[in-house]
Amino acid sequence: MSVAAAKAAAERARRRAHEAMVAAAEQSRGEKLTIKTATGWVHGRMEETEGKLVRSWRGIPFGADTSGDNRFRAPRPAPAWEGIRYCSEFGPVAPQPTYSWQDRIVGSEDCLHLDVVRPDTDEKLPVVVYFHGGSFIVGSSHMLMLRGFQLTEAMNVVYVSINFRLGALGYLDLRSLSDDCVANPAVMDQLLALQWVQENISAFGGDPDCVTAMGESAGGAAVLTLMASPAAKGLFHRAIAQSSPVGMVHSRTQSTFWARELVKRMALPRGTTVGALREAAGDDIVRAGQSMMWRNGELLHLNSSYAPTVDGDLIPDHPLEVFARGQQLDIPLLIGTNSDEASFSKFMFQREHIRQRAAVRLLASFDEENARGVVDAYDGATNRNDFAELLADALFWAPSIRIAQSHALKNSTWMYRFSYASKALRALGLGAMHSMELSNVFGDMNASRASLLLRMGSAEEMDELTALMQRHWANFIHFGRPGNDWPQYTTSASQAKSESPGVAPAHRATMTFDVPHRLDFDPRRERRKAWNDYNMLEWGLGRPDILAEIEFLLEGFRP
């Protein structure tokens, strides 16, 4: 037998043994996998991860179909069912693009499903509710990285990952077209899922009084947005926000701009109402939404098509402003970013003067007066690295710093900076890219989009960092604080006054996850201070032409 044939035979034998082990476990634990929820019975399955078994329930509906007349409306709870629902397959993803040459759309508007995973024990455990990332336009509860099999076993928690509406169907406020809709469908989906958890998670062995809301990227922004919403009070008790672009939350002006752009891309009349969009094919709306996002150049003004919208009710004010006033949920917060979030942007512009102009343009849409001062703190952003850092800080780090320093005045706050990169990632100039920390938090290097590059490094280093981060995350989820070797993030005036000239302050403690890891105090201080006066709250203040056009549109459609 050849070496290849022997390997193939060994793999088949291993797979058969694995399937037999899982089947035997499912047979012996049949009663444990059958759970009664408020809407009906569900039956799960066993999953194997690194030789250990976990219990899993896939595709449990928490909300009803959102298509047709339910499009752009508040979600409704899932209808009850009779008999046992076998939850062995994941539910459909929310409608989203595939970014393929075919312009194909995947998913279903009947997408309000969630997945539950727990260790193979009968212990009552803390709960993690995870909000996936994907720029508010793509992603799902069951992306390979986010299935949570290893995380739930390593951290000893009940893990819940949820789907919610995306893109134009979930993150676009269409009230400027007609008032027969809600401003924030996706945020309402998330609230409904959290309510489901409160009502049902104890049946899965989860503690409804110890729930951590956790998310990365757009999911991190979802967590912070929910912290700023009075409707979320009591639905979760701790929060973890990783690489959150919370500064991108839409103003009413911004949402009006994008609502009109969607109508234009759909080739509909100017007077189109939400009713007409309900009659359109969902796939056409998603395609039009993608077209308007990528083809009008607004991303160069930090004007993303999709985000939660300040509606004065569900989201009463910009989360940054809510946190600054101390009106957010009074719960512990763990927050941080990666050191090379936007390293891809090093390759965007070839000439130094073009990079500098682009840097000022990026910031001026929010605050024309202070944009130049921020750019100067990055040496004009003419260097590729400085430009990439400026973009990363504008999107992720500066808003997260502002959230952390505001929340530290209200409740316990811990901040981190993820800086680890394999030799291959460093050699390519990519560094600790956006979402790279997920491999360590979830404990699954093979599920990463950069798994090949991660494997071109030290497995020992990755294992060391994974154990460290999972210890801190688990401690926070279980006890409301990470390990004792990670001090709280504080910005008290008394500490600031005790600083000696020329000596780094002993506050703003930031855990830097690298190999070796370290504690930094007020890292990148001068750049942090450069953002102090910059207004992140109101897109469009530096775009008087856009403001005038939108005001004209609003006047034309007011009753």
Protein backbone atom coordinates (compact mmCIF):
# COMPACT_ATOMS: atom_id res chain seq x y z
CA MET A 1 0.00 0.00 0.00
CA SER A 2 1.34 3.43 -0.91
CA VAL A 3 1.85 6.13 1.74
CA ALA A 4 -1.03 8.16 0.30
CA ALA A 5 -3.38 5.16 0.35
CA ALA A 6 -2.37 4.35 3.91
CA LYS A 7 -3.09 7.92 4.99
CA ALA A 8 -6.47 7.84 3.26
CA ALA A 9 -7.36 4.54 4.95
CA ALA A 10 -6.31 5.92 8.34
CA GLU A 11 -8.44 9.02 7.78
CA ARG A 12 -11.47 6.90 6.86
CA ALA A 13 -10.97 4.81 9.98
CA ARG A 14 -10.66 7.93 12.12
CA ARG A 15 -13.85 9.37 10.59
CA ARG A 16 -15.77 6.14 11.20
CA ALA A 17 -14.59 6.06 14.81
CA HIS A 18 -15.59 9.70 15.27
CA GLU A 19 -19.05 9.10 13.78
CA ALA A 20 -19.54 6.05 15.97
CA MET A 21 -18.56 7.99 19.10
CA VAL A 22 -20.97 10.85 18.30
CA ALA A 23 -23.79 8.45 17.41
CA ALA A 24 -23.34 6.53 20.65
CA ALA A 25 -23.31 9.77 22.63
CA GLU A 26 -26.50 10.99 20.93
CA GLN A 27 -28.25 7.71 21.67
CA SER A 28 -27.28 7.72 25.34
CA ARG A 29 -28.13 11.40 25.81
CA GLY A 30 -31.37 11.54 23.84
CA GLU A 31 -33.32 12.88 26.79
CA LYS A 32 -30.69 15.56 27.49
CA LEU A 33 -30.87 16.77 23.88
CA THR A 34 -34.66 17.20 23.92
CA ILE A 35 -35.57 20.58 25.39
CA LYS A 36 -38.90 22.32 25.89
CA THR A 37 -38.89 26.00 24.86
CA ALA A 38 -41.72 28.52 25.07
CA THR A 39 -42.70 27.78 21.44
CA GLY A 40 -42.16 24.02 21.29
CA TRP A 41 -39.82 21.09 21.83
CA VAL A 42 -36.37 21.05 20.18
CA HIS A 43 -33.98 18.13 19.79
CA GLY A 44 -30.28 18.74 19.31
CA ARG A 45 -27.19 16.76 18.40
CA MET A 46 -23.74 15.99 19.76
CA GLU A 47 -20.65 17.66 18.32
CA GLU A 48 -17.06 16.57 18.80
CA THR A 49 -14.26 19.09 19.28
CA GLU A 50 -10.67 18.07 19.97
CA GLY A 51 -11.82 14.74 21.37
CA LYS A 52 -14.47 16.24 23.64
CA LEU A 53 -18.23 16.28 23.16
CA VAL A 54 -20.58 19.26 23.33
CA ARG A 55 -24.36 19.46 22.96
CA SER A 56 -25.65 21.57 20.10
CA TRP A 57 -29.02 22.86 18.87
CA ARG A 58 -28.90 24.43 15.41
CA GLY A 59 -31.38 26.78 13.76
CA ILE A 60 -33.87 27.38 16.57
CA PRO A 61 -36.35 30.05 15.37
CA PHE A 62 -36.75 33.02 17.72
CA GLY A 63 -38.57 35.29 15.25
CA ALA A 64 -41.13 34.95 12.46
CA ASP A 65 -40.54 35.40 8.73
CA THR A 66 -39.58 39.02 7.92
CA SER A 67 -40.45 38.97 4.21
CA GLY A 68 -43.31 40.60 2.30
CA ASP A 69 -45.54 42.78 4.43
CA ASN A 70 -43.27 42.13 7.44
CA ARG A 71 -40.27 43.67 5.69
CA PHE A 72 -38.88 46.78 7.46
CA ARG A 73 -41.20 46.18 10.41
CA ALA A 74 -40.48 45.18 14.00
CA PRO A 75 -39.87 41.42 14.29
CA ARG A 76 -42.53 39.15 15.74
CA PRO A 77 -41.81 36.13 17.95
CA ALA A 78 -41.59 32.79 16.15
CA PRO A 79 -44.90 30.94 15.92
CA ALA A 80 -45.30 27.86 18.10
CA TRP A 81 -45.02 24.36 16.60
CA GLU A 82 -46.33 20.95 17.52
CA GLY A 83 -44.24 17.88 18.15
CA ILE A 84 -40.44 17.90 18.31
CA ARG A 85 -38.38 20.15 16.04
CA TYR A 86 -35.12 18.42 15.10
CA CYS A 87 -32.43 21.12 15.25
CA SER A 88 -29.61 19.32 13.49
CA GLU A 89 -29.15 21.82 10.62
CA PHE A 90 -28.30 25.51 10.74
CA GLY A 91 -31.02 27.97 9.78
CA PRO A 92 -30.81 30.12 6.64
CA VAL A 93 -28.57 33.16 6.73
CA ALA A 94 -29.99 36.66 6.29
CA PRO A 95 -30.08 37.71 2.60
CA GLN A 96 -26.59 38.87 1.62
CA PRO A 97 -24.21 39.08 -1.34
CA THR A 98 -21.64 36.42 -2.10
CA TYR A 99 -19.15 38.77 -3.81
CA SER A 100 -18.84 36.36 -6.72
CA TRP A 101 -18.75 37.07 -10.45
CA GLN A 102 -22.34 35.81 -10.68
CA ASP A 103 -23.71 38.58 -8.41
CA ARG A 104 -25.53 35.80 -6.53
CA ILE A 105 -27.53 36.48 -3.36
CA VAL A 106 -27.84 33.84 -0.64
CA GLY A 107 -30.12 33.56 2.35
CA SER A 108 -33.76 33.96 3.26
CA GLU A 109 -35.82 36.66 4.91
CA ASP A 110 -37.03 33.91 7.23
CA CYS A 111 -33.66 34.19 8.95
CA LEU A 112 -34.36 34.86 12.63
CA HIS A 113 -32.76 31.71 14.03
CA LEU A 114 -30.15 31.09 16.70
CA ASP A 115 -27.80 28.28 17.67
CA VAL A 116 -27.08 27.00 21.20
CA VAL A 117 -23.99 25.04 22.28
CA ARG A 118 -23.05 23.86 25.75
CA PRO A 119 -20.59 21.41 27.35
CA ASP A 120 -21.75 17.82 27.77
CA THR A 121 -22.63 18.33 31.45
CA ASP A 122 -25.75 19.18 33.45
CA GLU A 123 -24.10 22.11 35.20
CA LYS A 124 -25.84 25.51 35.32
CA LEU A 125 -23.55 27.87 33.42
CA PRO A 126 -23.12 31.53 32.45
CA VAL A 127 -24.39 32.47 28.99
CA VAL A 128 -22.64 34.18 26.08
CA VAL A 129 -24.83 35.71 23.37
CA TYR A 130 -22.68 36.37 20.29
CA PHE A 131 -23.36 39.00 17.60
CA HIS A 132 -21.49 38.27 14.38
CA GLY A 133 -19.54 40.84 12.40
CA GLY A 134 -19.52 41.52 8.67
CA SER A 135 -19.82 45.30 8.15
CA PHE A 136 -23.60 45.08 8.77
CA ILE A 137 -24.01 43.42 5.35
CA VAL A 138 -22.71 39.82 5.55
CA GLY A 139 -22.21 37.07 8.12
CA SER A 140 -24.22 34.59 10.11
CA SER A 141 -24.53 32.83 13.45
CA HIS A 142 -22.82 29.73 12.11
CA MET A 143 -19.80 31.02 10.23
CA LEU A 144 -17.11 28.39 10.72
CA MET A 145 -15.19 30.50 13.24
CA LEU A 146 -18.28 31.35 15.27
CA ARG A 147 -19.85 27.94 15.90
CA GLY A 148 -18.41 28.00 19.39
CA PHE A 149 -17.74 24.28 19.93
CA GLN A 150 -14.24 24.82 21.31
CA LEU A 151 -15.12 28.08 23.09
CA THR A 152 -18.00 26.58 25.06
CA GLU A 153 -15.83 23.68 26.21
CA ALA A 154 -12.77 25.78 27.03
CA MET A 155 -14.68 28.54 28.85
CA ASN A 156 -17.41 26.30 30.35
CA VAL A 157 -20.34 28.44 29.15
CA VAL A 158 -23.61 28.13 27.28
CA TYR A 159 -22.98 29.79 23.91
CA VAL A 160 -25.78 31.35 21.85
CA SER A 161 -25.06 32.78 18.38
CA ILE A 162 -27.78 34.69 16.56
CA ASN A 163 -28.86 35.73 13.07
CA PHE A 164 -30.44 39.09 12.36
CA ARG A 165 -31.38 41.11 9.30
CA LEU A 166 -28.54 42.74 7.36
CA GLY A 167 -27.85 45.46 4.81
CA ALA A 168 -30.74 47.39 3.33
CA LEU A 169 -33.23 44.98 4.93
CA GLY A 170 -31.91 45.44 8.46
CA TYR A 171 -29.63 48.44 8.81
CA LEU A 172 -31.26 51.18 6.75
CA ASP A 173 -33.73 53.67 8.20
CA LEU A 174 -36.39 54.27 5.52
CA ARG A 175 -38.67 56.56 7.51
CA SER A 176 -37.86 59.43 5.15
CA LEU A 177 -39.74 57.51 2.43
CA SER A 178 -42.82 56.88 4.59
CA ASP A 179 -43.47 56.24 8.26
CA ASP A 180 -44.78 52.70 7.76
CA CYS A 181 -41.54 51.11 9.01
CA VAL A 182 -39.13 51.02 11.93
CA ALA A 183 -35.75 52.73 11.95
CA ASN A 184 -33.70 49.80 13.24
CA PRO A 185 -35.00 46.37 12.18
CA ALA A 186 -31.72 44.57 12.96
CA VAL A 187 -31.40 46.08 16.44
CA MET A 188 -34.99 45.00 17.16
CA ASP A 189 -34.09 41.49 15.97
CA GLN A 190 -31.19 41.45 18.44
CA LEU A 191 -33.44 42.58 21.28
CA LEU A 192 -35.94 39.84 20.42
CA ALA A 193 -33.15 37.24 20.53
CA LEU A 194 -32.03 38.50 23.95
CA GLN A 195 -35.62 38.27 25.17
CA TRP A 196 -35.74 34.67 23.88
CA VAL A 197 -32.60 33.93 25.88
CA GLN A 198 -34.15 35.35 29.05
CA GLU A 199 -37.25 33.21 28.55
CA ASN A 200 -35.68 29.94 27.42
CA ILE A 201 -31.99 29.59 28.23
CA SER A 202 -32.51 28.05 31.67
CA ALA A 203 -33.96 24.98 29.92
CA PHE A 204 -30.53 24.51 28.28
CA GLY A 205 -28.73 24.87 31.61
CA GLY A 206 -27.88 28.54 31.14
CA ASP A 207 -28.19 31.20 33.82
CA PRO A 208 -30.49 34.02 32.57
CA ASP A 209 -29.10 36.27 35.33
CA CYS A 210 -25.52 35.91 34.03
CA VAL A 211 -25.62 36.78 30.33
CA THR A 212 -22.68 38.35 28.46
CA ALA A 213 -23.35 40.12 25.16
CA MET A 214 -20.28 39.67 22.98
CA GLY A 215 -19.45 40.68 19.42
CA GLU A 216 -16.66 41.62 17.03
CA SER A 217 -16.57 44.36 14.38
CA ALA A 218 -20.18 45.18 13.44
CA GLY A 219 -21.16 42.74 16.20
CA GLY A 220 -19.09 44.77 18.67
CA ALA A 221 -20.92 47.89 17.52
CA ALA A 222 -24.20 46.02 18.08
CA VAL A 223 -23.19 45.30 21.68
CA LEU A 224 -22.31 48.94 22.42
CA THR A 225 -25.45 50.17 20.65
CA LEU A 226 -27.56 47.88 22.82
CA MET A 227 -25.78 49.23 25.89
CA ALA A 228 -27.01 52.67 24.82
CA SER A 229 -30.61 51.50 24.38
CA PRO A 230 -33.00 51.64 27.36
CA ALA A 231 -34.91 48.70 25.82
CA ALA A 232 -31.95 46.39 26.55
CA LYS A 233 -31.95 46.97 30.30
CA GLY A 234 -31.91 43.68 32.18
CA LEU A 235 -31.36 41.55 29.06
CA PHE A 236 -27.60 41.12 29.61
CA HIS A 237 -25.24 41.74 32.48
CA ARG A 238 -21.74 42.00 30.96
CA ALA A 239 -20.44 43.17 27.60
CA ILE A 240 -17.45 42.36 25.38
CA ALA A 241 -16.89 44.62 22.35
CA GLN A 242 -14.04 43.63 20.04
CA SER A 243 -12.92 46.00 17.25
CA SER A 244 -16.16 47.98 17.31
CA PRO A 245 -16.77 50.71 14.67
CA VAL A 246 -19.34 52.36 16.95
CA GLY A 247 -18.58 55.81 15.57
CA MET A 248 -20.27 54.82 12.29
CA VAL A 249 -23.80 54.92 13.76
CA HIS A 250 -26.05 56.84 11.38
CA SER A 251 -27.59 60.23 11.98
CA ARG A 252 -31.05 60.96 10.53
CA THR A 253 -29.35 63.01 7.82
CA GLN A 254 -27.13 60.10 6.86
CA SER A 255 -29.95 57.57 6.78
CA THR A 256 -32.01 59.92 4.58
CA PHE A 257 -29.09 60.17 2.18
CA TRP A 258 -28.87 56.39 1.86
CA ALA A 259 -32.64 55.82 1.66
CA ARG A 260 -32.77 58.10 -1.38
CA GLU A 261 -29.74 56.38 -2.87
CA LEU A 262 -31.44 52.99 -2.54
CA VAL A 263 -34.52 54.25 -4.39
CA LYS A 264 -32.24 55.56 -7.13
CA ARG A 265 -30.35 52.27 -7.45
CA MET A 266 -33.64 50.38 -7.58
CA ALA A 267 -34.64 52.61 -10.54
CA LEU A 268 -37.84 53.59 -8.74
CA PRO A 269 -39.64 56.96 -8.90
CA ARG A 270 -38.56 59.70 -6.50
CA GLY A 271 -41.85 59.46 -4.60
CA THR A 272 -41.42 55.76 -3.87
CA THR A 273 -42.68 54.59 -0.48
CA VAL A 274 -41.72 51.71 1.79
CA GLY A 275 -44.78 49.87 0.47
CA ALA A 276 -43.24 49.73 -3.00
CA LEU A 277 -40.03 48.28 -1.55
CA ARG A 278 -42.06 45.58 0.20
CA GLU A 279 -43.40 44.50 -3.17
CA ALA A 280 -39.93 44.31 -4.74
CA ALA A 281 -37.88 41.11 -4.78
CA GLY A 282 -35.64 40.88 -1.73
CA ASP A 283 -32.63 39.86 -3.85
CA ASP A 284 -33.04 43.02 -5.96
CA ILE A 285 -32.95 45.17 -2.84
CA VAL A 286 -29.76 43.46 -1.67
CA ARG A 287 -28.12 43.93 -5.08
CA ALA A 288 -29.13 47.60 -5.21
CA GLY A 289 -27.80 48.04 -1.71
CA GLN A 290 -24.45 46.58 -2.68
CA SER A 291 -24.27 48.76 -5.76
CA MET A 292 -24.85 51.94 -3.79
CA MET A 293 -22.28 50.98 -1.16
CA TRP A 294 -19.37 50.31 -3.49
CA ARG A 295 -19.97 52.53 -6.51
CA ASN A 296 -20.55 56.05 -5.28
CA GLY A 297 -17.28 56.72 -3.46
CA GLU A 298 -18.83 57.56 -0.08
CA LEU A 299 -16.61 55.10 1.78
CA LEU A 300 -13.80 57.58 1.10
CA HIS A 301 -15.74 59.95 3.39
CA LEU A 302 -16.22 57.33 6.14
CA ASN A 303 -19.86 57.22 5.04
CA SER A 304 -20.90 53.57 5.14
CA SER A 305 -24.33 52.70 3.77
CA TYR A 306 -25.36 50.61 6.75
CA ALA A 307 -25.38 51.02 10.52
CA PRO A 308 -27.84 51.46 13.36
CA THR A 309 -29.63 54.83 13.23
CA VAL A 310 -30.21 57.31 16.04
CA ASP A 311 -34.01 57.33 16.07
CA GLY A 312 -34.67 59.14 19.34
CA ASP A 313 -36.48 56.13 20.78
CA LEU A 314 -34.87 52.70 20.57
CA ILE A 315 -31.51 54.45 20.12
CA PRO A 316 -32.15 57.80 21.81
CA ASP A 317 -28.81 59.36 20.89
CA HIS A 318 -25.46 58.45 19.40
CA PRO A 319 -23.92 55.73 21.64
CA LEU A 320 -20.80 57.85 22.12
CA GLU A 321 -23.00 60.65 23.47
CA VAL A 322 -25.06 58.28 25.65
CA PHE A 323 -21.84 56.91 27.17
CA ALA A 324 -20.44 60.42 27.66
CA ARG A 325 -23.56 61.34 29.66
CA GLY A 326 -23.33 58.13 31.70
CA GLN A 327 -26.76 56.91 30.55
CA GLN A 328 -25.61 53.53 29.19
CA LEU A 329 -26.27 50.19 30.88
CA ASP A 330 -24.48 49.99 34.22
CA ILE A 331 -22.57 46.73 33.59
CA PRO A 332 -18.90 45.64 33.34
CA LEU A 333 -17.28 46.14 29.91
CA LEU A 334 -14.29 44.53 28.21
CA ILE A 335 -13.30 46.40 25.06
CA GLY A 336 -10.37 46.57 22.66
CA THR A 337 -8.98 46.66 19.14
CA ASN A 338 -6.24 45.14 16.99
CA SER A 339 -3.07 47.02 16.16
CA ASP A 340 -3.34 46.59 12.38
CA GLU A 341 -7.12 46.70 11.79
CA ALA A 342 -6.82 48.44 8.42
CA SER A 343 -3.45 47.18 7.18
CA PHE A 344 -5.06 46.52 3.78
CA SER A 345 -5.18 50.29 3.26
CA LYS A 346 -1.39 50.44 2.97
CA PHE A 347 -1.90 49.45 -0.64
CA MET A 348 -4.74 51.85 -1.50
CA PHE A 349 -2.81 54.89 -2.72
CA GLN A 350 0.52 54.99 -4.46
CA ARG A 351 1.55 58.62 -3.92
CA GLU A 352 2.22 60.40 -0.64
CA HIS A 353 0.30 63.60 -1.43
CA ILE A 354 -2.74 61.58 -2.51
CA ARG A 355 -2.65 59.65 0.78
CA GLN A 356 -2.54 62.89 2.74
CA ARG A 357 -5.48 64.39 0.83
CA ALA A 358 -7.44 61.19 1.29
CA ALA A 359 -6.70 61.20 5.03
CA VAL A 360 -8.07 64.72 5.48
CA ARG A 361 -11.10 63.92 3.30
CA LEU A 362 -11.85 60.83 5.42
CA LEU A 363 -12.15 62.88 8.59
CA ALA A 364 -13.54 66.16 7.27
CA SER A 365 -17.03 64.78 6.65
CA PHE A 366 -17.49 64.62 10.42
CA ASP A 367 -15.36 67.54 11.60
CA GLU A 368 -13.74 69.76 9.00
CA GLU A 369 -12.25 72.09 11.61
CA ASN A 370 -10.31 69.44 13.55
CA ALA A 371 -9.56 66.95 10.78
CA ARG A 372 -6.22 68.49 9.85
CA GLY A 373 -4.98 68.44 13.46
CA VAL A 374 -5.68 64.72 13.78
CA VAL A 375 -3.91 63.98 10.49
CA ASP A 376 -0.89 66.01 11.65
CA ALA A 377 -0.58 63.69 14.66
CA TYR A 378 0.03 60.91 12.13
CA ASP A 379 2.81 62.90 10.44
CA GLY A 380 0.44 63.92 7.68
CA ALA A 381 -0.44 60.26 6.98
CA THR A 382 1.86 60.36 3.96
CA ASN A 383 3.63 57.18 5.00
CA ARG A 384 1.75 53.95 4.21
CA ASN A 385 1.90 52.74 7.80
CA ASP A 386 0.71 56.07 9.19
CA PHE A 387 -2.20 56.20 6.75
CA ALA A 388 -3.26 52.66 7.68
CA GLU A 389 -3.03 53.50 11.38
CA LEU A 390 -5.08 56.66 10.90
CA LEU A 391 -7.86 54.76 9.13
CA ALA A 392 -7.82 51.98 11.74
CA ASP A 393 -7.92 54.48 14.57
CA ALA A 394 -10.74 56.50 13.00
CA LEU A 395 -12.88 53.39 12.57
CA PHE A 396 -12.02 51.37 15.68
CA TRP A 397 -9.47 52.62 18.20
CA ALA A 398 -10.47 56.24 18.77
CA PRO A 399 -14.20 55.47 19.28
CA SER A 400 -13.29 52.53 21.56
CA ILE A 401 -11.04 54.76 23.65
CA ARG A 402 -13.87 57.27 23.99
CA ILE A 403 -16.28 54.51 25.05
CA ALA A 404 -13.78 53.08 27.55
CA GLN A 405 -12.97 56.38 29.23
CA SER A 406 -16.66 57.27 29.53
CA HIS A 407 -17.70 53.86 30.85
CA ALA A 408 -14.81 53.74 33.34
CA LEU A 409 -16.55 56.58 35.19
CA LYS A 410 -19.69 54.45 35.56
CA ASN A 411 -18.65 50.80 35.87
CA SER A 412 -15.65 48.49 35.70
CA THR A 413 -13.90 48.65 32.34
CA TRP A 414 -10.97 46.71 30.89
CA MET A 415 -9.17 47.56 27.65
CA TYR A 416 -6.91 45.48 25.41
CA ARG A 417 -4.79 45.83 22.29
CA PHE A 418 -4.26 42.68 20.18
CA SER A 419 -0.84 42.90 18.50
CA TYR A 420 0.18 39.33 17.77
CA ALA A 421 0.95 38.38 14.17
CA SER A 422 2.65 35.31 12.75
CA LYS A 423 5.93 35.71 10.89
CA ALA A 424 4.08 35.37 7.59
CA LEU A 425 1.60 38.13 8.44
CA ARG A 426 4.41 40.43 9.55
CA ALA A 427 6.46 39.69 6.44
CA LEU A 428 3.51 40.63 4.24
CA GLY A 429 3.03 43.88 6.13
CA LEU A 430 -0.44 42.82 7.32
CA GLY A 431 0.28 42.41 11.02
CA ALA A 432 -2.54 41.89 13.54
CA MET A 433 -5.32 42.42 11.02
CA HIS A 434 -9.00 42.98 11.69
CA SER A 435 -10.62 39.88 13.26
CA MET A 436 -7.33 38.01 13.80
CA GLU A 437 -7.97 37.81 17.55
CA LEU A 438 -10.99 35.57 16.93
CA SER A 439 -8.70 32.58 16.33
CA ASN A 440 -7.42 32.90 19.88
CA VAL A 441 -10.70 33.79 21.57
CA PHE A 442 -12.56 30.94 19.85
CA GLY A 443 -9.58 28.61 19.96
CA ASP A 444 -9.81 27.50 16.34
CA MET A 445 -6.91 28.53 14.16
CA ASN A 446 -8.12 26.44 11.22
CA ALA A 447 -11.38 28.39 10.94
CA SER A 448 -9.65 31.72 10.26
CA ARG A 449 -9.71 33.29 6.81
CA ALA A 450 -5.92 33.58 7.24
CA SER A 451 -5.40 30.06 8.60
CA LEU A 452 -2.62 29.31 6.11
CA LEU A 453 -0.72 32.41 7.19
CA LEU A 454 -1.33 31.64 10.86
CA ARG A 455 0.14 28.17 10.40
CA MET A 456 3.30 29.79 9.02
CA GLY A 457 4.30 30.68 12.54
CA SER A 458 4.86 29.20 15.95
CA ALA A 459 2.13 26.80 17.06
CA GLU A 460 3.50 27.11 20.59
CA GLU A 461 3.04 30.89 20.54
CA MET A 462 -0.52 30.57 19.26
CA ASP A 463 -1.40 28.03 21.93
CA GLU A 464 0.12 30.21 24.65
CA LEU A 465 -1.81 33.28 23.52
CA THR A 466 -5.05 31.31 23.10
CA ALA A 467 -4.82 29.93 26.65
CA LEU A 468 -4.15 33.42 28.01
CA MET A 469 -7.01 35.13 26.19
CA GLN A 470 -9.52 32.38 26.88
CA ARG A 471 -8.62 32.53 30.57
CA HIS A 472 -9.32 36.27 30.71
CA TRP A 473 -12.50 36.08 28.61
CA ALA A 474 -13.83 33.15 30.64
CA ASN A 475 -13.08 34.89 33.93
CA PHE A 476 -14.95 37.97 32.74
CA ILE A 477 -17.93 35.93 31.59
CA HIS A 478 -18.11 33.98 34.86
CA PHE A 479 -17.21 36.67 37.40
CA GLY A 480 -17.53 40.07 35.70
CA ARG A 481 -13.79 40.74 35.57
CA PRO A 482 -10.79 39.22 33.75
CA GLY A 483 -7.82 37.79 35.62
CA ASN A 484 -6.29 39.69 38.55
CA ASP A 485 -3.21 40.50 36.48
CA TRP A 486 -5.27 42.79 34.21
CA PRO A 487 -6.00 46.13 35.97
CA GLN A 488 -9.08 48.18 35.22
CA TYR A 489 -8.99 51.02 32.72
CA THR A 490 -9.22 54.24 34.74
CA THR A 491 -9.03 57.93 33.83
CA SER A 492 -9.67 59.56 37.22
CA ALA A 493 -8.58 63.15 37.72
CA SER A 494 -6.75 62.26 40.93
CA GLN A 495 -4.52 59.82 39.08
CA ALA A 496 -3.88 62.30 36.30
CA LYS A 497 -2.76 64.98 38.78
CA SER A 498 -0.25 62.63 40.38
CA GLU A 499 1.70 62.23 37.16
CA SER A 500 5.28 63.42 37.15
CA PRO A 501 6.51 65.48 34.19
CA GLY A 502 7.93 63.24 31.51
CA VAL A 503 6.74 60.06 33.19
CA ALA A 504 4.06 57.90 31.55
CA PRO A 505 0.83 57.95 33.57
CA ALA A 506 -0.07 54.89 35.63
CA HIS A 507 -3.66 54.84 34.48
CA ARG A 508 -5.41 53.82 31.23
CA ALA A 509 -4.10 50.27 31.74
CA THR A 510 -4.22 48.34 28.47
CA MET A 511 -3.45 44.64 28.16
CA THR A 512 -1.39 44.11 25.01
CA PHE A 513 -1.88 40.59 23.72
CA ASP A 514 1.35 39.54 22.05
CA VAL A 515 4.06 37.02 22.77
CA PRO A 516 5.07 37.89 25.39
CA HIS A 517 2.00 39.81 26.54
CA ARG A 518 2.41 42.99 28.57
CA LEU A 519 0.59 45.80 30.31
CA ASP A 520 0.84 49.26 28.76
CA PHE A 521 -0.36 52.45 30.41
CA ASP A 522 -1.90 55.02 28.09
CA PRO A 523 -0.31 53.55 24.95
CA ARG A 524 0.05 55.90 21.97
CA ARG A 525 -0.74 58.81 24.26
CA GLU A 526 -0.08 61.64 21.83
CA ARG A 527 -2.28 60.14 19.16
CA ARG A 528 -5.01 59.51 21.71
CA LYS A 529 -4.92 63.17 22.71
CA ALA A 530 -5.12 64.25 19.06
CA TRP A 531 -8.64 62.80 18.88
CA ASN A 532 -9.89 64.60 22.00
CA ASP A 533 -11.53 67.53 20.20
CA TYR A 534 -12.53 65.68 17.04
CA ASN A 535 -16.31 65.36 16.60
CA MET A 536 -17.24 61.76 15.78
CA LEU A 537 -20.97 62.19 16.31
CA GLU A 538 -22.49 63.77 13.22
CA TRP A 539 -21.58 62.72 9.72
CA GLY A 540 -22.21 65.41 7.13
CA LEU A 541 -21.14 68.52 9.07
CA GLY A 542 -18.22 68.83 6.69
CA ARG A 543 -20.42 68.21 3.64
CA PRO A 544 -22.62 71.33 3.29
CA ASP A 545 -23.57 70.38 -0.27
CA ILE A 546 -24.97 67.04 0.89
CA LEU A 547 -26.76 68.63 3.84
CA ALA A 548 -28.44 71.17 1.58
CA GLU A 549 -29.55 68.47 -0.86
CA ILE A 550 -31.03 66.31 1.91
CA GLU A 551 -32.82 69.26 3.47
CA PHE A 552 -34.36 69.99 0.08
CA LEU A 553 -35.50 66.37 -0.24
CA LEU A 554 -37.00 66.36 3.22
CA GLU A 555 -38.88 69.61 2.56
CA GLY A 556 -40.28 68.14 -0.64
CA PHE A 557 -41.76 65.15 1.15
CA ARG A 558 -43.02 66.71 4.37
CA PRO A 559 -46.81 66.71 4.68
